[in-house]
Amino acid sequence: MTSKELLYIEDALGHEKYFQSECREAFEKLNDPELKSCVREMEEKHRRIFQNLYGLL
């Protein structure tokens, strides 16, 4: 991988961590079980994306 590609992956990893933390924060504030479930799924999706990107390193 080139250094530019590595920088892109590093940036993408940071975004995915941010999305995970935002989902966790939203989950804690929500009361509606259906919305909480949706947000939990989004958090899991971003966790998987993070793991896939990290695996490229």
N, C-alpha and C. Protein backbone atom coordinates (compact mmCIF):
# COMPACT_ATOMS: atom_id res chain seq x y z
N MET A 1 0.84 -1.19 0.00
CA MET A 1 0.00 0.00 0.00
C MET A 1 0.88 1.25 0.00
N THR A 2 0.39 2.24 -0.68
CA THR A 2 1.13 3.50 -0.69
C THR A 2 0.85 4.26 0.60
N SER A 3 1.68 5.26 0.86
CA SER A 3 1.46 6.06 2.07
C SER A 3 0.14 6.82 1.99
N LYS A 4 -0.24 7.22 0.79
CA LYS A 4 -1.52 7.93 0.62
C LYS A 4 -2.70 7.00 0.93
N GLU A 5 -2.61 5.76 0.50
CA GLU A 5 -3.67 4.79 0.79
C GLU A 5 -3.75 4.52 2.29
N LEU A 6 -2.61 4.42 2.93
CA LEU A 6 -2.59 4.21 4.38
C LEU A 6 -3.22 5.39 5.12
N LEU A 7 -2.94 6.60 4.65
CA LEU A 7 -3.55 7.78 5.27
C LEU A 7 -5.07 7.76 5.09
N TYR A 8 -5.52 7.32 3.92
CA TYR A 8 -6.95 7.22 3.68
C TYR A 8 -7.59 6.23 4.67
N ILE A 9 -6.96 5.07 4.83
CA ILE A 9 -7.50 4.06 5.74
C ILE A 9 -7.49 4.57 7.17
N GLU A 10 -6.42 5.25 7.56
CA GLU A 10 -6.35 5.82 8.91
C GLU A 10 -7.49 6.81 9.13
N ASP A 11 -7.74 7.64 8.15
CA ASP A 11 -8.83 8.61 8.23
C ASP A 11 -10.19 7.90 8.32
N ALA A 12 -10.37 6.88 7.50
CA ALA A 12 -11.62 6.13 7.50
C ALA A 12 -11.82 5.42 8.84
N LEU A 13 -10.75 4.90 9.42
CA LEU A 13 -10.86 4.26 10.74
C LEU A 13 -11.34 5.27 11.78
N GLY A 14 -10.80 6.47 11.74
CA GLY A 14 -11.23 7.52 12.66
C GLY A 14 -12.70 7.85 12.50
N HIS A 15 -13.15 7.90 11.25
CA HIS A 15 -14.57 8.19 11.00
C HIS A 15 -15.46 7.08 11.55
N GLU A 16 -15.05 5.85 11.35
CA GLU A 16 -15.86 4.73 11.83
C GLU A 16 -15.92 4.70 13.36
N LYS A 17 -14.82 5.01 14.03
CA LYS A 17 -14.83 5.09 15.49
C LYS A 17 -15.77 6.21 15.95
N TYR A 18 -15.72 7.33 15.25
CA TYR A 18 -16.61 8.46 15.57
C TYR A 18 -18.08 8.04 15.42
N PHE A 19 -18.41 7.38 14.30
CA PHE A 19 -19.78 6.95 14.07
C PHE A 19 -20.23 5.98 15.16
N GLN A 20 -19.35 5.09 15.58
CA GLN A 20 -19.69 4.16 16.65
C GLN A 20 -20.03 4.90 17.94
N SER A 21 -19.20 5.87 18.28
CA SER A 21 -19.43 6.60 19.53
C SER A 21 -20.70 7.45 19.45
N GLU A 22 -21.00 8.00 18.29
CA GLU A 22 -22.23 8.76 18.12
C GLU A 22 -23.46 7.85 18.26
N CYS A 23 -23.36 6.67 17.70
CA CYS A 23 -24.47 5.71 17.82
C CYS A 23 -24.68 5.31 19.27
N ARG A 24 -23.58 5.05 19.98
CA ARG A 24 -23.69 4.67 21.40
C ARG A 24 -24.35 5.79 22.20
N GLU A 25 -23.93 7.02 21.93
CA GLU A 25 -24.49 8.17 22.64
C GLU A 25 -25.99 8.32 22.34
N ALA A 26 -26.36 8.17 21.08
CA ALA A 26 -27.77 8.28 20.69
C ALA A 26 -28.58 7.15 21.33
N PHE A 27 -28.02 5.95 21.34
CA PHE A 27 -28.69 4.79 21.93
C PHE A 27 -29.06 5.05 23.38
N GLU A 28 -28.14 5.63 24.12
CA GLU A 28 -28.36 5.90 25.54
C GLU A 28 -29.44 6.94 25.78
N LYS A 29 -29.64 7.84 24.82
CA LYS A 29 -30.61 8.92 24.98
C LYS A 29 -32.01 8.55 24.51
N LEU A 30 -32.11 7.51 23.68
CA LEU A 30 -33.40 7.15 23.11
C LEU A 30 -34.24 6.33 24.07
N ASN A 31 -35.56 6.47 23.95
CA ASN A 31 -36.50 5.70 24.75
C ASN A 31 -37.26 4.68 23.91
N ASP A 32 -37.46 4.99 22.64
CA ASP A 32 -38.23 4.13 21.76
C ASP A 32 -37.42 2.86 21.44
N PRO A 33 -37.96 1.68 21.78
CA PRO A 33 -37.23 0.43 21.55
C PRO A 33 -36.89 0.17 20.08
N GLU A 34 -37.78 0.57 19.19
CA GLU A 34 -37.54 0.35 17.76
C GLU A 34 -36.37 1.21 17.27
N LEU A 35 -36.35 2.47 17.70
CA LEU A 35 -35.24 3.35 17.33
C LEU A 35 -33.93 2.87 17.96
N LYS A 36 -33.99 2.44 19.20
CA LYS A 36 -32.79 1.93 19.87
C LYS A 36 -32.22 0.74 19.11
N SER A 37 -33.10 -0.14 18.66
CA SER A 37 -32.66 -1.30 17.90
C SER A 37 -31.98 -0.88 16.59
N CYS A 38 -32.56 0.08 15.92
CA CYS A 38 -32.00 0.59 14.66
C CYS A 38 -30.62 1.19 14.90
N VAL A 39 -30.49 1.99 15.94
CA VAL A 39 -29.21 2.64 16.25
C VAL A 39 -28.17 1.60 16.65
N ARG A 40 -28.60 0.58 17.38
CA ARG A 40 -27.67 -0.50 17.78
C ARG A 40 -27.15 -1.22 16.53
N GLU A 41 -28.03 -1.45 15.56
CA GLU A 41 -27.62 -2.08 14.30
C GLU A 41 -26.62 -1.21 13.55
N MET A 42 -26.86 0.09 13.54
CA MET A 42 -25.92 1.00 12.87
C MET A 42 -24.56 0.98 13.56
N GLU A 43 -24.56 0.94 14.89
CA GLU A 43 -23.30 0.87 15.62
C GLU A 43 -22.55 -0.41 15.26
N GLU A 44 -23.26 -1.51 15.19
CA GLU A 44 -22.65 -2.80 14.84
C GLU A 44 -22.09 -2.75 13.41
N LYS A 45 -22.83 -2.13 12.51
CA LYS A 45 -22.38 -2.01 11.12
C LYS A 45 -21.06 -1.24 11.07
N HIS A 46 -20.97 -0.14 11.80
CA HIS A 46 -19.74 0.66 11.80
C HIS A 46 -18.59 -0.08 12.50
N ARG A 47 -18.92 -0.92 13.47
CA ARG A 47 -17.89 -1.72 14.12
C ARG A 47 -17.31 -2.73 13.12
N ARG A 48 -18.18 -3.36 12.32
CA ARG A 48 -17.72 -4.31 11.32
C ARG A 48 -16.88 -3.62 10.24
N ILE A 49 -17.31 -2.44 9.81
CA ILE A 49 -16.55 -1.69 8.81
C ILE A 49 -15.17 -1.36 9.37
N PHE A 50 -15.13 -0.92 10.63
CA PHE A 50 -13.85 -0.61 11.26
C PHE A 50 -12.94 -1.85 11.25
N GLN A 51 -13.48 -2.98 11.64
CA GLN A 51 -12.68 -4.21 11.69
C GLN A 51 -12.18 -4.60 10.30
N ASN A 52 -13.01 -4.45 9.29
CA ASN A 52 -12.59 -4.77 7.93
C ASN A 52 -11.47 -3.86 7.46
N LEU A 53 -11.60 -2.57 7.72
CA LEU A 53 -10.55 -1.62 7.34
C LEU A 53 -9.26 -1.91 8.11
N TYR A 54 -9.40 -2.17 9.39
CA TYR A 54 -8.23 -2.46 10.23
C TYR A 54 -7.53 -3.73 9.73
N GLY A 55 -8.32 -4.67 9.26
CA GLY A 55 -7.75 -5.90 8.72
C GLY A 55 -6.88 -5.68 7.49
N LEU A 56 -7.12 -4.58 6.78
CA LEU A 56 -6.30 -4.28 5.62
C LEU A 56 -4.87 -3.90 6.00
N LEU A 57 -4.72 -3.46 7.23
CA LEU A 57 -3.38 -3.07 7.69
C LEU A 57 -2.62 -4.29 8.08
